[in-house]
PDB file of N, CA and C in Angstrom:
ATOM      1  N   MET A   1      11.669  -2.805 -27.757  1.00  0.00           N
ATOM      2  CA  MET A   1      11.598  -4.189 -27.354  1.00  0.00           C
ATOM      3  C   MET A   1      10.601  -4.302 -26.201  1.00  0.00           C
ATOM      4  N   SER A   2       9.680  -5.236 -26.307  1.00  0.00           N
ATOM      5  CA  SER A   2       8.671  -5.392 -25.267  1.00  0.00           C
ATOM      6  C   SER A   2       9.216  -6.210 -24.099  1.00  0.00           C
ATOM      7  N   ARG A   3       8.488  -6.194 -23.011  1.00  0.00           N
ATOM      8  CA  ARG A   3       8.895  -6.950 -21.824  1.00  0.00           C
ATOM      9  C   ARG A   3       8.902  -8.445 -22.108  1.00  0.00           C
ATOM     10  N   VAL A   4       7.921  -8.921 -22.875  1.00  0.00           N
ATOM     11  CA  VAL A   4       7.844 -10.346 -23.197  1.00  0.00           C
ATOM     12  C   VAL A   4       9.027 -10.750 -24.052  1.00  0.00           C
ATOM     13  N   GLU A   5       9.415  -9.910 -24.996  1.00  0.00           N
ATOM     14  CA  GLU A   5      10.568 -10.222 -25.835  1.00  0.00           C
ATOM     15  C   GLU A   5      11.859 -10.202 -25.014  1.00  0.00           C
ATOM     16  N   LYS A   6      11.956  -9.295 -24.063  1.00  0.00           N
ATOM     17  CA  LYS A   6      13.174  -9.147 -23.287  1.00  0.00           C
ATOM     18  C   LYS A   6      13.313 -10.232 -22.218  1.00  0.00           C
ATOM     19  N   PHE A   7      12.223 -10.497 -21.466  1.00  0.00           N
ATOM     20  CA  PHE A   7      12.307 -11.410 -20.330  1.00  0.00           C
ATOM     21  C   PHE A   7      11.591 -12.741 -20.542  1.00  0.00           C
ATOM     22  N   GLY A   8      10.756 -12.840 -21.530  1.00  0.00           N
ATOM     23  CA  GLY A   8      10.012 -14.075 -21.745  1.00  0.00           C
ATOM     24  C   GLY A   8       8.680 -14.045 -21.011  1.00  0.00           C
ATOM     25  N   ARG A   9       7.966 -15.143 -21.087  1.00  0.00           N
ATOM     26  CA  ARG A   9       6.655 -15.225 -20.456  1.00  0.00           C
ATOM     27  C   ARG A   9       6.780 -15.500 -18.966  1.00  0.00           C
ATOM     28  N   ARG A  10       5.727 -15.176 -18.243  1.00  0.00           N
ATOM     29  CA  ARG A  10       5.732 -15.343 -16.800  1.00  0.00           C
ATOM     30  C   ARG A  10       5.781 -16.818 -16.401  1.00  0.00           C
ATOM     31  N   ASN A  11       5.025 -17.671 -17.072  1.00  0.00           N
ATOM     32  CA  ASN A  11       4.955 -19.092 -16.731  1.00  0.00           C
ATOM     33  C   ASN A  11       5.788 -19.933 -17.682  1.00  0.00           C
ATOM     34  N   ALA A  12       7.017 -19.527 -17.911  1.00  0.00           N
ATOM     35  CA  ALA A  12       7.873 -20.219 -18.859  1.00  0.00           C
ATOM     36  C   ALA A  12       8.681 -21.334 -18.209  1.00  0.00           C
ATOM     37  N   VAL A  13       8.335 -21.755 -16.981  1.00  0.00           N
ATOM     38  CA  VAL A  13       9.071 -22.815 -16.299  1.00  0.00           C
ATOM     39  C   VAL A  13       8.656 -24.156 -16.886  1.00  0.00           C
ATOM     40  N   PRO A  14       9.606 -24.986 -17.328  1.00  0.00           N
ATOM     41  CA  PRO A  14       9.257 -26.287 -17.902  1.00  0.00           C
ATOM     42  C   PRO A  14       8.601 -27.200 -16.862  1.00  0.00           C
ATOM     43  N   ALA A  15       7.819 -28.146 -17.336  1.00  0.00           N
ATOM     44  CA  ALA A  15       7.093 -29.052 -16.451  1.00  0.00           C
ATOM     45  C   ALA A  15       8.047 -29.934 -15.651  1.00  0.00           C
ATOM     46  N   GLU A  16       9.243 -30.248 -16.195  1.00  0.00           N
ATOM     47  CA  GLU A  16      10.192 -31.104 -15.488  1.00  0.00           C
ATOM     48  C   GLU A  16      10.673 -30.429 -14.204  1.00  0.00           C
ATOM     49  N   SER A  17      10.957 -29.149 -14.270  1.00  0.00           N
ATOM     50  CA  SER A  17      11.441 -28.458 -13.072  1.00  0.00           C
ATOM     51  C   SER A  17      10.327 -28.289 -12.051  1.00  0.00           C
ATOM     52  N   ARG A  18       9.058 -28.203 -12.490  1.00  0.00           N
ATOM     53  CA  ARG A  18       7.951 -28.127 -11.549  1.00  0.00           C
ATOM     54  C   ARG A  18       7.829 -29.418 -10.762  1.00  0.00           C
ATOM     55  N   SER A  19       8.046 -30.555 -11.417  1.00  0.00           N
ATOM     56  CA  SER A  19       7.942 -31.835 -10.715  1.00  0.00           C
ATOM     57  C   SER A  19       9.075 -31.997  -9.702  1.00  0.00           C
ATOM     58  N   LYS A  20      10.237 -31.393  -9.962  1.00  0.00           N
ATOM     59  CA  LYS A  20      11.336 -31.446  -9.007  1.00  0.00           C
ATOM     60  C   LYS A  20      10.998 -30.659  -7.751  1.00  0.00           C
ATOM     61  N   ASN A  21      10.251 -29.552  -7.916  1.00  0.00           N
ATOM     62  CA  ASN A  21       9.893 -28.720  -6.776  1.00  0.00           C
ATOM     63  C   ASN A  21       8.913 -29.412  -5.839  1.00  0.00           C
ATOM     64  N   LYS A  22       8.209 -30.426  -6.311  1.00  0.00           N
ATOM     65  CA  LYS A  22       7.250 -31.119  -5.460  1.00  0.00           C
ATOM     66  C   LYS A  22       7.954 -31.895  -4.363  1.00  0.00           C
ATOM     67  N   ASN A  23       9.202 -32.255  -4.589  1.00  0.00           N
ATOM     68  CA  ASN A  23       9.943 -33.009  -3.587  1.00  0.00           C
ATOM     69  C   ASN A  23      10.443 -32.118  -2.455  1.00  0.00           C
ATOM     70  N   LYS A  24      10.504 -30.817  -2.682  1.00  0.00           N
ATOM     71  CA  LYS A  24      10.980 -29.897  -1.654  1.00  0.00           C
ATOM     72  C   LYS A  24       9.967 -29.787  -0.537  1.00  0.00           C
ATOM     73  N   LYS A  25      10.453 -29.412   0.626  1.00  0.00           N
ATOM     74  CA  LYS A  25       9.579 -29.245   1.778  1.00  0.00           C
ATOM     75  C   LYS A  25       8.642 -28.067   1.525  1.00  0.00           C
ATOM     76  N   ALA A  26       7.355 -28.292   1.698  1.00  0.00           N
ATOM     77  CA  ALA A  26       6.357 -27.246   1.437  1.00  0.00           C
ATOM     78  C   ALA A  26       6.322 -26.293   2.619  1.00  0.00           C
ATOM     79  N   SER A  27       6.324 -25.013   2.329  1.00  0.00           N
ATOM     80  CA  SER A  27       6.186 -24.007   3.373  1.00  0.00           C
ATOM     81  C   SER A  27       4.737 -23.558   3.436  1.00  0.00           C
ATOM     82  N   LYS A  28       4.437 -22.699   4.398  1.00  0.00           N
ATOM     83  CA  LYS A  28       3.056 -22.266   4.557  1.00  0.00           C
ATOM     84  C   LYS A  28       2.609 -21.340   3.434  1.00  0.00           C
ATOM     85  N   HIS A  29       3.545 -20.812   2.656  1.00  0.00           N
ATOM     86  CA  HIS A  29       3.194 -19.893   1.577  1.00  0.00           C
ATOM     87  C   HIS A  29       2.796 -20.611   0.296  1.00  0.00           C
ATOM     88  N   TYR A  30       3.078 -21.893   0.208  1.00  0.00           N
ATOM     89  CA  TYR A  30       2.744 -22.622  -1.000  1.00  0.00           C
ATOM     90  C   TYR A  30       1.325 -23.161  -0.929  1.00  0.00           C
ATOM     91  N   VAL A  31       0.634 -23.078  -2.037  1.00  0.00           N
ATOM     92  CA  VAL A  31      -0.680 -23.676  -2.139  1.00  0.00           C
ATOM     93  C   VAL A  31      -0.480 -25.166  -2.357  1.00  0.00           C
ATOM     94  N   GLU A  32      -1.225 -26.007  -1.654  1.00  0.00           N
ATOM     95  CA  GLU A  32      -0.983 -27.443  -1.709  1.00  0.00           C
ATOM     96  C   GLU A  32      -1.365 -28.050  -3.057  1.00  0.00           C
ATOM     97  N   ASP A  33      -2.289 -27.451  -3.782  1.00  0.00           N
ATOM     98  CA  ASP A  33      -2.774 -28.056  -5.012  1.00  0.00           C
ATOM     99  C   ASP A  33      -1.722 -28.103  -6.106  1.00  0.00           C
ATOM    100  N   ASN A  34      -1.102 -26.981  -6.417  1.00  0.00           N
ATOM    101  CA  ASN A  34      -0.214 -26.957  -7.571  1.00  0.00           C
ATOM    102  C   ASN A  34       1.174 -26.401  -7.259  1.00  0.00           C
ATOM    103  N   ASN A  35       1.521 -26.256  -6.005  1.00  0.00           N
ATOM    104  CA  ASN A  35       2.857 -25.826  -5.590  1.00  0.00           C
ATOM    105  C   ASN A  35       3.240 -24.454  -6.127  1.00  0.00           C
ATOM    106  N   GLU A  36       2.292 -23.602  -6.378  1.00  0.00           N
ATOM    107  CA  GLU A  36       2.586 -22.240  -6.807  1.00  0.00           C
ATOM    108  C   GLU A  36       2.310 -21.290  -5.649  1.00  0.00           C
ATOM    109  N   LEU A  37       2.954 -20.163  -5.686  1.00  0.00           N
ATOM    110  CA  LEU A  37       2.720 -19.167  -4.654  1.00  0.00           C
ATOM    111  C   LEU A  37       1.328 -18.572  -4.805  1.00  0.00           C
ATOM    112  N   PRO A  38       0.677 -18.245  -3.698  1.00  0.00           N
ATOM    113  CA  PRO A  38      -0.628 -17.593  -3.796  1.00  0.00           C
ATOM    114  C   PRO A  38      -0.446 -16.155  -4.259  1.00  0.00           C
ATOM    115  N   SER A  39      -1.536 -15.552  -4.647  1.00  0.00           N
ATOM    116  CA  SER A  39      -1.447 -14.158  -5.072  1.00  0.00           C
ATOM    117  C   SER A  39      -1.069 -13.282  -3.884  1.00  0.00           C
ATOM    118  N   ARG A  40      -0.556 -12.112  -4.166  1.00  0.00           N
ATOM    119  CA  ARG A  40      -0.138 -11.208  -3.100  1.00  0.00           C
ATOM    120  C   ARG A  40      -1.326 -10.812  -2.237  1.00  0.00           C
ATOM    121  N   ARG A  41      -2.475 -10.657  -2.851  1.00  0.00           N
ATOM    122  CA  ARG A  41      -3.677 -10.279  -2.112  1.00  0.00           C
ATOM    123  C   ARG A  41      -4.068 -11.344  -1.092  1.00  0.00           C
ATOM    124  N   GLU A  42      -3.869 -12.626  -1.431  1.00  0.00           N
ATOM    125  CA  GLU A  42      -4.183 -13.699  -0.492  1.00  0.00           C
ATOM    126  C   GLU A  42      -3.125 -13.802   0.607  1.00  0.00           C
ATOM    127  N   ALA A  43      -1.865 -13.597   0.258  1.00  0.00           N
ATOM    128  CA  ALA A  43      -0.790 -13.730   1.234  1.00  0.00           C
ATOM    129  C   ALA A  43      -0.745 -12.552   2.204  1.00  0.00           C
ATOM    130  N   HIS A  44      -1.050 -11.355   1.723  1.00  0.00           N
ATOM    131  CA  HIS A  44      -1.007 -10.142   2.542  1.00  0.00           C
ATOM    132  C   HIS A  44      -2.339  -9.412   2.404  1.00  0.00           C
ATOM    133  N   PRO A  45      -3.359  -9.832   3.124  1.00  0.00           N
ATOM    134  CA  PRO A  45      -4.672  -9.185   2.968  1.00  0.00           C
ATOM    135  C   PRO A  45      -4.640  -7.733   3.430  1.00  0.00           C
ATOM    136  N   SER A  46      -5.418  -6.928   2.779  1.00  0.00           N
ATOM    137  CA  SER A  46      -5.468  -5.505   3.078  1.00  0.00           C
ATOM    138  C   SER A  46      -6.437  -5.242   4.218  1.00  0.00           C
ATOM    139  N   ASN A  47      -6.141  -4.243   5.012  1.00  0.00           N
ATOM    140  CA  ASN A  47      -7.068  -3.834   6.062  1.00  0.00           C
ATOM    141  C   ASN A  47      -7.669  -2.472   5.700  1.00  0.00           C
ATOM    142  N   LYS A  48      -7.871  -2.249   4.423  1.00  0.00           N
ATOM    143  CA  LYS A  48      -8.365  -0.966   3.928  1.00  0.00           C
ATOM    144  C   LYS A  48      -9.753  -0.658   4.473  1.00  0.00           C
ATOM    145  N   GLN A  49     -10.650  -1.649   4.513  1.00  0.00           N
ATOM    146  CA  GLN A  49     -11.997  -1.399   5.010  1.00  0.00           C
ATOM    147  C   GLN A  49     -11.972  -1.022   6.484  1.00  0.00           C
ATOM    148  N   GLN A  50     -11.141  -1.700   7.263  1.00  0.00           N
ATOM    149  CA  GLN A  50     -11.045  -1.385   8.683  1.00  0.00           C
ATOM    150  C   GLN A  50     -10.500   0.031   8.886  1.00  0.00           C
ATOM    151  N   MET A  51      -9.481   0.395   8.129  1.00  0.00           N
ATOM    152  CA  MET A  51      -8.908   1.738   8.270  1.00  0.00           C
ATOM    153  C   MET A  51      -9.905   2.803   7.825  1.00  0.00           C
ATOM    154  N   THR A  52     -10.688   2.528   6.787  1.00  0.00           N
ATOM    155  CA  THR A  52     -11.687   3.483   6.325  1.00  0.00           C
ATOM    156  C   THR A  52     -12.736   3.700   7.395  1.00  0.00           C
ATOM    157  N   LYS A  53     -13.169   2.621   8.039  1.00  0.00           N
ATOM    158  CA  LYS A  53     -14.178   2.736   9.092  1.00  0.00           C
ATOM    159  C   LYS A  53     -13.654   3.600  10.242  1.00  0.00           C
ATOM    160  N   TRP A  54     -12.411   3.352  10.669  1.00  0.00           N
ATOM    161  CA  TRP A  54     -11.843   4.142  11.764  1.00  0.00           C
ATOM    162  C   TRP A  54     -11.616   5.591  11.352  1.00  0.00           C
ATOM    163  N   PHE A  55     -11.254   5.829  10.094  1.00  0.00           N
ATOM    164  CA  PHE A  55     -11.065   7.201   9.623  1.00  0.00           C
ATOM    165  C   PHE A  55     -12.365   7.990   9.695  1.00  0.00           C
ATOM    166  N   PHE A  56     -13.461   7.396   9.209  1.00  0.00           N
ATOM    167  CA  PHE A  56     -14.732   8.107   9.239  1.00  0.00           C
ATOM    168  C   PHE A  56     -15.234   8.298  10.662  1.00  0.00           C
ATOM    169  N   ARG A  57     -14.991   7.328  11.543  1.00  0.00           N
ATOM    170  CA  ARG A  57     -15.351   7.512  12.952  1.00  0.00           C
ATOM    171  C   ARG A  57     -14.573   8.676  13.555  1.00  0.00           C
ATOM    172  N   LEU A  58     -13.295   8.787  13.236  1.00  0.00           N
ATOM    173  CA  LEU A  58     -12.467   9.875  13.741  1.00  0.00           C
ATOM    174  C   LEU A  58     -12.955  11.213  13.217  1.00  0.00           C
ATOM    175  N   VAL A  59     -13.256  11.290  11.922  1.00  0.00           N
ATOM    176  CA  VAL A  59     -13.716  12.549  11.334  1.00  0.00           C
ATOM    177  C   VAL A  59     -15.042  12.974  11.959  1.00  0.00           C
ATOM    178  N   ILE A  60     -15.965  12.036  12.124  1.00  0.00           N
ATOM    179  CA  ILE A  60     -17.254  12.374  12.733  1.00  0.00           C
ATOM    180  C   ILE A  60     -17.060  12.789  14.186  1.00  0.00           C
ATOM    181  N   GLY A  61     -16.187  12.096  14.918  1.00  0.00           N
ATOM    182  CA  GLY A  61     -15.902  12.461  16.313  1.00  0.00           C
ATOM    183  C   GLY A  61     -15.304  13.856  16.425  1.00  0.00           C
ATOM    184  N   LEU A  62     -14.370  14.179  15.543  1.00  0.00           N
ATOM    185  CA  LEU A  62     -13.780  15.522  15.562  1.00  0.00           C
ATOM    186  C   LEU A  62     -14.815  16.594  15.222  1.00  0.00           C
ATOM    187  N   PHE A  63     -15.721  16.273  14.298  1.00  0.00           N
ATOM    188  CA  PHE A  63     -16.767  17.222  13.944  1.00  0.00           C
ATOM    189  C   PHE A  63     -17.696  17.467  15.130  1.00  0.00           C
ATOM    190  N   VAL A  64     -18.053  16.402  15.841  1.00  0.00           N
ATOM    191  CA  VAL A  64     -18.919  16.556  17.020  1.00  0.00           C
ATOM    192  C   VAL A  64     -18.203  17.386  18.080  1.00  0.00           C
ATOM    193  N   LEU A  65     -16.928  17.111  18.315  1.00  0.00           N
ATOM    194  CA  LEU A  65     -16.175  17.905  19.293  1.00  0.00           C
ATOM    195  C   LEU A  65     -16.084  19.373  18.879  1.00  0.00           C
ATOM    196  N   LEU A  66     -15.928  19.628  17.592  1.00  0.00           N
ATOM    197  CA  LEU A  66     -15.884  21.002  17.103  1.00  0.00           C
ATOM    198  C   LEU A  66     -17.213  21.706  17.341  1.00  0.00           C
ATOM    199  N   MET A  67     -18.315  21.017  17.060  1.00  0.00           N
ATOM    200  CA  MET A  67     -19.636  21.614  17.278  1.00  0.00           C
ATOM    201  C   MET A  67     -19.872  21.909  18.759  1.00  0.00           C
ATOM    202  N   ILE A  68     -19.505  20.979  19.626  1.00  0.00           N
ATOM    203  CA  ILE A  68     -19.665  21.205  21.067  1.00  0.00           C
ATOM    204  C   ILE A  68     -18.804  22.383  21.511  1.00  0.00           C
ATOM    205  N   GLY A  69     -17.555  22.422  21.031  1.00  0.00           N
ATOM    206  CA  GLY A  69     -16.673  23.526  21.386  1.00  0.00           C
ATOM    207  C   GLY A  69     -17.197  24.862  20.891  1.00  0.00           C
ATOM    208  N   LEU A  70     -17.753  24.918  19.689  1.00  0.00           N
ATOM    209  CA  LEU A  70     -18.292  26.179  19.175  1.00  0.00           C
ATOM    210  C   LEU A  70     -19.548  26.600  19.935  1.00  0.00           C
ATOM    211  N   LEU A  71     -20.372  25.639  20.319  1.00  0.00           N
ATOM    212  CA  LEU A  71     -21.562  25.972  21.115  1.00  0.00           C
ATOM    213  C   LEU A  71     -21.186  26.540  22.475  1.00  0.00           C
ATOM    214  N   ILE A  72     -20.220  25.915  23.122  1.00  0.00           N
ATOM    215  CA  ILE A  72     -19.771  26.422  24.429  1.00  0.00           C
ATOM    216  C   ILE A  72     -19.131  27.789  24.282  1.00  0.00           C
ATOM    217  N   TRP A  73     -18.331  27.976  23.265  1.00  0.00           N
ATOM    218  CA  TRP A  73     -17.683  29.271  23.044  1.00  0.00           C
ATOM    219  C   TRP A  73     -18.712  30.350  22.711  1.00  0.00           C
ATOM    220  N   GLY A  74     -19.742  30.006  21.937  1.00  0.00           N
ATOM    221  CA  GLY A  74     -20.790  30.959  21.583  1.00  0.00           C
ATOM    222  C   GLY A  74     -21.628  31.366  22.775  1.00  0.00           C
ATOM    223  N   ARG A  75     -21.931  30.444  23.664  1.00  0.00           N
ATOM    224  CA  ARG A  75     -22.708  30.765  24.877  1.00  0.00           C
ATOM    225  C   ARG A  75     -21.894  31.626  25.838  1.00  0.00           C
ATOM    226  N   GLN A  76     -20.605  31.453  25.831  1.00  0.00           N
ATOM    227  CA  GLN A  76     -19.749  32.191  26.756  1.00  0.00           C
ATOM    228  C   GLN A  76     -19.748  33.685  26.424  1.00  0.00           C
ATOM    229  N   TYR A  77     -19.855  34.044  25.147  1.00  0.00           N
ATOM    230  CA  TYR A  77     -19.754  35.453  24.759  1.00  0.00           C
ATOM    231  C   TYR A  77     -21.102  36.048  24.374  1.00  0.00           C
ATOM    232  N   SER A  78     -22.215  35.389  24.700  1.00  0.00           N
ATOM    233  CA  SER A  78     -23.508  35.995  24.344  1.00  0.00           C
ATOM    234  C   SER A  78     -24.225  36.568  25.528  1.00  0.00           C
TER     235      SER A  78
END
């Protein structure tokens, strides 16, 4: 049995019940145009690009510190 057969379609809400929802108080999560919830990506934006930038900065910084440490250690024993 498929998911559609078991649970039905995603937008199976009748138009009458949608018009009833328009009378309810709108929250900040509702889109004003059609009273539907926004996509998860719009409601909870990802900070993946920011985290990637900081990760690469950290890796490059650690590499520079490693090179400086190896140079100092090499000069000490030569």
